[in-house]
Amino acid sequence: MRALLDRIRPWWQAIPQTLCYQVVTKLVLAAALVGLRRLAAWALASQGRVAVTSGDYLFLVTSWQG
């Protein structure tokens, strides 16, 4: 049993560091996605659109907002 605990100990010791990394990366990604969402909403609003569908390919290719 002692040998098993000695083999598992490094895994248990790495858990707090791994969780901290996960939290930090998720916060950074969430902040970036919020910024991108606001930028996309602004670009759509500046063109007078409320959404982009598959029929709007010409808009996406020909305008600077696309």
PDB file of N, CA and C in Angstrom:
ATOM      1  N   MET A   1       0.816  -1.188   0.000  1.00  0.00           N
ATOM      2  CA  MET A   1       0.000   0.000   0.000  1.00  0.00           C
ATOM      3  C   MET A   1       0.866   1.261   0.000  1.00  0.00           C
ATOM      4  N   ARG A   2       1.945   1.214   0.735  1.00  0.00           N
ATOM      5  CA  ARG A   2       2.858   2.371   0.822  1.00  0.00           C
ATOM      6  C   ARG A   2       3.468   2.670  -0.547  1.00  0.00           C
ATOM      7  N   ALA A   3       3.799   1.632  -1.291  1.00  0.00           N
ATOM      8  CA  ALA A   3       4.390   1.833  -2.617  1.00  0.00           C
ATOM      9  C   ALA A   3       3.384   2.487  -3.558  1.00  0.00           C
ATOM     10  N   LEU A   4       2.138   2.100  -3.433  1.00  0.00           N
ATOM     11  CA  LEU A   4       1.106   2.706  -4.267  1.00  0.00           C
ATOM     12  C   LEU A   4       0.953   4.191  -3.944  1.00  0.00           C
ATOM     13  N   LEU A   5       0.951   4.532  -2.672  1.00  0.00           N
ATOM     14  CA  LEU A   5       0.848   5.931  -2.275  1.00  0.00           C
ATOM     15  C   LEU A   5       2.044   6.740  -2.758  1.00  0.00           C
ATOM     16  N   ASP A   6       3.224   6.153  -2.736  1.00  0.00           N
ATOM     17  CA  ASP A   6       4.410   6.848  -3.232  1.00  0.00           C
ATOM     18  C   ASP A   6       4.335   7.083  -4.731  1.00  0.00           C
ATOM     19  N   ARG A   7       3.680   6.182  -5.456  1.00  0.00           N
ATOM     20  CA  ARG A   7       3.535   6.352  -6.904  1.00  0.00           C
ATOM     21  C   ARG A   7       2.477   7.403  -7.241  1.00  0.00           C
ATOM     22  N   ILE A   8       1.457   7.532  -6.413  1.00  0.00           N
ATOM     23  CA  ILE A   8       0.354   8.456  -6.671  1.00  0.00           C
ATOM     24  C   ILE A   8       0.664   9.880  -6.187  1.00  0.00           C
ATOM     25  N   ARG A   9       1.549  10.023  -5.227  1.00  0.00           N
ATOM     26  CA  ARG A   9       1.825  11.320  -4.611  1.00  0.00           C
ATOM     27  C   ARG A   9       2.165  12.426  -5.624  1.00  0.00           C
ATOM     28  N   PRO A  10       3.005  12.205  -6.638  1.00  0.00           N
ATOM     29  CA  PRO A  10       3.283  13.288  -7.596  1.00  0.00           C
ATOM     30  C   PRO A  10       2.032  13.771  -8.332  1.00  0.00           C
ATOM     31  N   TRP A  11       1.124  12.859  -8.611  1.00  0.00           N
ATOM     32  CA  TRP A  11      -0.117  13.241  -9.277  1.00  0.00           C
ATOM     33  C   TRP A  11      -0.946  14.139  -8.374  1.00  0.00           C
ATOM     34  N   TRP A  12      -1.061  13.764  -7.105  1.00  0.00           N
ATOM     35  CA  TRP A  12      -1.840  14.559  -6.161  1.00  0.00           C
ATOM     36  C   TRP A  12      -1.215  15.931  -5.946  1.00  0.00           C
ATOM     37  N   GLN A  13       0.102  16.005  -5.942  1.00  0.00           N
ATOM     38  CA  GLN A  13       0.772  17.276  -5.722  1.00  0.00           C
ATOM     39  C   GLN A  13       0.626  18.207  -6.926  1.00  0.00           C
ATOM     40  N   ALA A  14       0.390  17.666  -8.097  1.00  0.00           N
ATOM     41  CA  ALA A  14       0.259  18.486  -9.302  1.00  0.00           C
ATOM     42  C   ALA A  14      -1.152  19.035  -9.494  1.00  0.00           C
ATOM     43  N   ILE A  15      -2.111  18.527  -8.765  1.00  0.00           N
ATOM     44  CA  ILE A  15      -3.506  18.941  -8.960  1.00  0.00           C
ATOM     45  C   ILE A  15      -3.725  20.432  -8.702  1.00  0.00           C
ATOM     46  N   PRO A  16      -3.244  21.021  -7.611  1.00  0.00           N
ATOM     47  CA  PRO A  16      -3.480  22.462  -7.415  1.00  0.00           C
ATOM     48  C   PRO A  16      -2.873  23.329  -8.529  1.00  0.00           C
ATOM     49  N   GLN A  17      -1.696  23.000  -8.974  1.00  0.00           N
ATOM     50  CA  GLN A  17      -1.059  23.759 -10.044  1.00  0.00           C
ATOM     51  C   GLN A  17      -1.854  23.622 -11.344  1.00  0.00           C
ATOM     52  N   THR A  18      -2.331  22.436 -11.620  1.00  0.00           N
ATOM     53  CA  THR A  18      -3.131  22.211 -12.822  1.00  0.00           C
ATOM     54  C   THR A  18      -4.442  22.981 -12.759  1.00  0.00           C
ATOM     55  N   LEU A  19      -5.103  22.971 -11.614  1.00  0.00           N
ATOM     56  CA  LEU A  19      -6.353  23.702 -11.465  1.00  0.00           C
ATOM     57  C   LEU A  19      -6.138  25.203 -11.604  1.00  0.00           C
ATOM     58  N   CYS A  20      -5.055  25.712 -11.061  1.00  0.00           N
ATOM     59  CA  CYS A  20      -4.737  27.134 -11.187  1.00  0.00           C
ATOM     60  C   CYS A  20      -4.530  27.486 -12.661  1.00  0.00           C
ATOM     61  N   TYR A  21      -3.812  26.668 -13.395  1.00  0.00           N
ATOM     62  CA  TYR A  21      -3.595  26.891 -14.823  1.00  0.00           C
ATOM     63  C   TYR A  21      -4.926  26.892 -15.575  1.00  0.00           C
ATOM     64  N   GLN A  22      -5.792  25.946 -15.246  1.00  0.00           N
ATOM     65  CA  GLN A  22      -7.095  25.859 -15.898  1.00  0.00           C
ATOM     66  C   GLN A  22      -7.923  27.116 -15.653  1.00  0.00           C
ATOM     67  N   VAL A  23      -7.942  27.602 -14.431  1.00  0.00           N
ATOM     68  CA  VAL A  23      -8.726  28.790 -14.098  1.00  0.00           C
ATOM     69  C   VAL A  23      -8.189  30.005 -14.833  1.00  0.00           C
ATOM     70  N   VAL A  24      -6.881  30.191 -14.826  1.00  0.00           N
ATOM     71  CA  VAL A  24      -6.283  31.354 -15.483  1.00  0.00           C
ATOM     72  C   VAL A  24      -6.545  31.322 -16.986  1.00  0.00           C
ATOM     73  N   THR A  25      -6.339  30.188 -17.626  1.00  0.00           N
ATOM     74  CA  THR A  25      -6.546  30.119 -19.071  1.00  0.00           C
ATOM     75  C   THR A  25      -8.018  30.302 -19.441  1.00  0.00           C
ATOM     76  N   LYS A  26      -8.934  29.785 -18.627  1.00  0.00           N
ATOM     77  CA  LYS A  26     -10.355  29.965 -18.918  1.00  0.00           C
ATOM     78  C   LYS A  26     -10.764  31.430 -18.770  1.00  0.00           C
ATOM     79  N   LEU A  27     -10.212  32.138 -17.800  1.00  0.00           N
ATOM     80  CA  LEU A  27     -10.511  33.556 -17.631  1.00  0.00           C
ATOM     81  C   LEU A  27      -9.974  34.381 -18.796  1.00  0.00           C
ATOM     82  N   VAL A  28      -8.768  34.074 -19.240  1.00  0.00           N
ATOM     83  CA  VAL A  28      -8.190  34.797 -20.377  1.00  0.00           C
ATOM     84  C   VAL A  28      -8.999  34.530 -21.643  1.00  0.00           C
ATOM     85  N   LEU A  29      -9.363  33.294 -21.869  1.00  0.00           N
ATOM     86  CA  LEU A  29     -10.165  32.949 -23.044  1.00  0.00           C
ATOM     87  C   LEU A  29     -11.542  33.596 -22.985  1.00  0.00           C
ATOM     88  N   ALA A  30     -12.165  33.616 -21.818  1.00  0.00           N
ATOM     89  CA  ALA A  30     -13.482  34.246 -21.679  1.00  0.00           C
ATOM     90  C   ALA A  30     -13.397  35.738 -21.971  1.00  0.00           C
ATOM     91  N   ALA A  31     -12.359  36.403 -21.488  1.00  0.00           N
ATOM     92  CA  ALA A  31     -12.203  37.834 -21.746  1.00  0.00           C
ATOM     93  C   ALA A  31     -12.009  38.091 -23.243  1.00  0.00           C
ATOM     94  N   ALA A  32     -11.227  37.264 -23.896  1.00  0.00           N
ATOM     95  CA  ALA A  32     -11.012  37.431 -25.335  1.00  0.00           C
ATOM     96  C   ALA A  32     -12.309  37.205 -26.109  1.00  0.00           C
ATOM     97  N   LEU A  33     -13.076  36.213 -25.725  1.00  0.00           N
ATOM     98  CA  LEU A  33     -14.329  35.934 -26.427  1.00  0.00           C
ATOM     99  C   LEU A  33     -15.363  37.033 -26.211  1.00  0.00           C
ATOM    100  N   VAL A  34     -15.404  37.608 -25.026  1.00  0.00           N
ATOM    101  CA  VAL A  34     -16.319  38.731 -24.781  1.00  0.00           C
ATOM    102  C   VAL A  34     -15.933  39.903 -25.682  1.00  0.00           C
ATOM    103  N   GLY A  35     -14.641  40.176 -25.782  1.00  0.00           N
ATOM    104  CA  GLY A  35     -14.185  41.251 -26.655  1.00  0.00           C
ATOM    105  C   GLY A  35     -14.522  40.996 -28.116  1.00  0.00           C
ATOM    106  N   LEU A  36     -14.324  39.776 -28.572  1.00  0.00           N
ATOM    107  CA  LEU A  36     -14.651  39.442 -29.960  1.00  0.00           C
ATOM    108  C   LEU A  36     -16.155  39.526 -30.221  1.00  0.00           C
ATOM    109  N   ARG A  37     -16.944  39.116 -29.252  1.00  0.00           N
ATOM    110  CA  ARG A  37     -18.396  39.186 -29.413  1.00  0.00           C
ATOM    111  C   ARG A  37     -18.855  40.636 -29.529  1.00  0.00           C
ATOM    112  N   ARG A  38     -18.297  41.511 -28.691  1.00  0.00           N
ATOM    113  CA  ARG A  38     -18.665  42.933 -28.768  1.00  0.00           C
ATOM    114  C   ARG A  38     -18.200  43.550 -30.083  1.00  0.00           C
ATOM    115  N   LEU A  39     -17.033  43.180 -30.539  1.00  0.00           N
ATOM    116  CA  LEU A  39     -16.527  43.691 -31.810  1.00  0.00           C
ATOM    117  C   LEU A  39     -17.422  43.235 -32.963  1.00  0.00           C
ATOM    118  N   ALA A  40     -17.838  41.993 -32.949  1.00  0.00           N
ATOM    119  CA  ALA A  40     -18.715  41.479 -33.997  1.00  0.00           C
ATOM    120  C   ALA A  40     -20.082  42.163 -33.946  1.00  0.00           C
ATOM    121  N   ALA A  41     -20.602  42.379 -32.752  1.00  0.00           N
ATOM    122  CA  ALA A  41     -21.898  43.057 -32.626  1.00  0.00           C
ATOM    123  C   ALA A  41     -21.792  44.487 -33.138  1.00  0.00           C
ATOM    124  N   TRP A  42     -20.703  45.163 -32.835  1.00  0.00           N
ATOM    125  CA  TRP A  42     -20.515  46.521 -33.327  1.00  0.00           C
ATOM    126  C   TRP A  42     -20.425  46.538 -34.852  1.00  0.00           C
ATOM    127  N   ALA A  43     -19.681  45.594 -35.428  1.00  0.00           N
ATOM    128  CA  ALA A  43     -19.536  45.546 -36.884  1.00  0.00           C
ATOM    129  C   ALA A  43     -20.883  45.288 -37.557  1.00  0.00           C
ATOM    130  N   LEU A  44     -21.694  44.411 -36.995  1.00  0.00           N
ATOM    131  CA  LEU A  44     -23.019  44.148 -37.563  1.00  0.00           C
ATOM    132  C   LEU A  44     -23.920  45.373 -37.427  1.00  0.00           C
ATOM    133  N   ALA A  45     -23.893  45.997 -36.259  1.00  0.00           N
ATOM    134  CA  ALA A  45     -24.747  47.161 -36.043  1.00  0.00           C
ATOM    135  C   ALA A  45     -24.351  48.310 -36.965  1.00  0.00           C
ATOM    136  N   SER A  46     -23.071  48.460 -37.260  1.00  0.00           N
ATOM    137  CA  SER A  46     -22.639  49.551 -38.128  1.00  0.00           C
ATOM    138  C   SER A  46     -23.114  49.345 -39.568  1.00  0.00           C
ATOM    139  N   GLN A  47     -23.460  48.134 -39.922  1.00  0.00           N
ATOM    140  CA  GLN A  47     -23.999  47.840 -41.248  1.00  0.00           C
ATOM    141  C   GLN A  47     -25.521  47.751 -41.243  1.00  0.00           C
ATOM    142  N   GLY A  48     -26.138  47.912 -40.060  1.00  0.00           N
ATOM    143  CA  GLY A  48     -27.591  47.842 -39.972  1.00  0.00           C
ATOM    144  C   GLY A  48     -28.119  46.422 -39.998  1.00  0.00           C
ATOM    145  N   ARG A  49     -27.306  45.472 -39.667  1.00  0.00           N
ATOM    146  CA  ARG A  49     -27.731  44.072 -39.655  1.00  0.00           C
ATOM    147  C   ARG A  49     -27.849  43.585 -38.220  1.00  0.00           C
ATOM    148  N   VAL A  50     -28.678  42.579 -38.040  1.00  0.00           N
ATOM    149  CA  VAL A  50     -28.816  41.994 -36.704  1.00  0.00           C
ATOM    150  C   VAL A  50     -28.166  40.613 -36.625  1.00  0.00           C
ATOM    151  N   ALA A  51     -27.923  40.004 -37.775  1.00  0.00           N
ATOM    152  CA  ALA A  51     -27.301  38.680 -37.807  1.00  0.00           C
ATOM    153  C   ALA A  51     -26.685  38.450 -39.181  1.00  0.00           C
ATOM    154  N   VAL A  52     -25.798  37.488 -39.238  1.00  0.00           N
ATOM    155  CA  VAL A  52     -25.198  37.076 -40.507  1.00  0.00           C
ATOM    156  C   VAL A  52     -25.600  35.634 -40.759  1.00  0.00           C
ATOM    157  N   THR A  53     -26.143  35.391 -41.937  1.00  0.00           N
ATOM    158  CA  THR A  53     -26.549  34.040 -42.294  1.00  0.00           C
ATOM    159  C   THR A  53     -25.703  33.557 -43.466  1.00  0.00           C
ATOM    160  N   SER A  54     -25.964  32.347 -43.910  1.00  0.00           N
ATOM    161  CA  SER A  54     -25.195  31.788 -45.022  1.00  0.00           C
ATOM    162  C   SER A  54     -25.485  32.528 -46.325  1.00  0.00           C
ATOM    163  N   GLY A  55     -26.567  33.265 -46.394  1.00  0.00           N
ATOM    164  CA  GLY A  55     -26.882  34.040 -47.590  1.00  0.00           C
ATOM    165  C   GLY A  55     -26.138  35.365 -47.654  1.00  0.00           C
ATOM    166  N   ASP A  56     -25.367  35.684 -46.620  1.00  0.00           N
ATOM    167  CA  ASP A  56     -24.649  36.955 -46.557  1.00  0.00           C
ATOM    168  C   ASP A  56     -23.183  36.839 -46.952  1.00  0.00           C
ATOM    169  N   TYR A  57     -22.832  35.866 -47.759  1.00  0.00           N
ATOM    170  CA  TYR A  57     -21.429  35.701 -48.138  1.00  0.00           C
ATOM    171  C   TYR A  57     -20.895  36.914 -48.895  1.00  0.00           C
ATOM    172  N   LEU A  58     -21.711  37.516 -49.727  1.00  0.00           N
ATOM    173  CA  LEU A  58     -21.281  38.699 -50.459  1.00  0.00           C
ATOM    174  C   LEU A  58     -20.943  39.828 -49.489  1.00  0.00           C
ATOM    175  N   PHE A  59     -21.757  40.005 -48.453  1.00  0.00           N
ATOM    176  CA  PHE A  59     -21.469  41.009 -47.438  1.00  0.00           C
ATOM    177  C   PHE A  59     -20.139  40.706 -46.744  1.00  0.00           C
ATOM    178  N   LEU A  60     -19.927  39.456 -46.419  1.00  0.00           N
ATOM    179  CA  LEU A  60     -18.699  39.087 -45.710  1.00  0.00           C
ATOM    180  C   LEU A  60     -17.445  39.315 -46.546  1.00  0.00           C
ATOM    181  N   VAL A  61     -17.562  39.145 -47.843  1.00  0.00           N
ATOM    182  CA  VAL A  61     -16.391  39.248 -48.714  1.00  0.00           C
ATOM    183  C   VAL A  61     -16.140  40.688 -49.156  1.00  0.00           C
ATOM    184  N   THR A  62     -17.185  41.472 -49.336  1.00  0.00           N
ATOM    185  CA  THR A  62     -17.016  42.777 -49.947  1.00  0.00           C
ATOM    186  C   THR A  62     -16.946  43.941 -48.960  1.00  0.00           C
ATOM    187  N   SER A  63     -17.290  43.759 -47.702  1.00  0.00           N
ATOM    188  CA  SER A  63     -17.246  44.868 -46.760  1.00  0.00           C
ATOM    189  C   SER A  63     -16.073  44.710 -45.803  1.00  0.00           C
ATOM    190  N   TRP A  64     -15.628  45.830 -45.280  1.00  0.00           N
ATOM    191  CA  TRP A  64     -14.500  45.761 -44.338  1.00  0.00           C
ATOM    192  C   TRP A  64     -14.917  45.120 -43.013  1.00  0.00           C
ATOM    193  N   GLN A  65     -16.225  45.166 -42.682  1.00  0.00           N
ATOM    194  CA  GLN A  65     -16.676  44.537 -41.462  1.00  0.00           C
ATOM    195  C   GLN A  65     -16.643  43.012 -41.575  1.00  0.00           C
ATOM    196  N   GLY A  66     -16.739  42.512 -42.772  1.00  0.00           N
ATOM    197  CA  GLY A  66     -16.714  41.071 -42.971  1.00  0.00           C
ATOM    198  C   GLY A  66     -15.323  40.544 -42.795  1.00  0.00           C
TER     199      GLY A  66
END
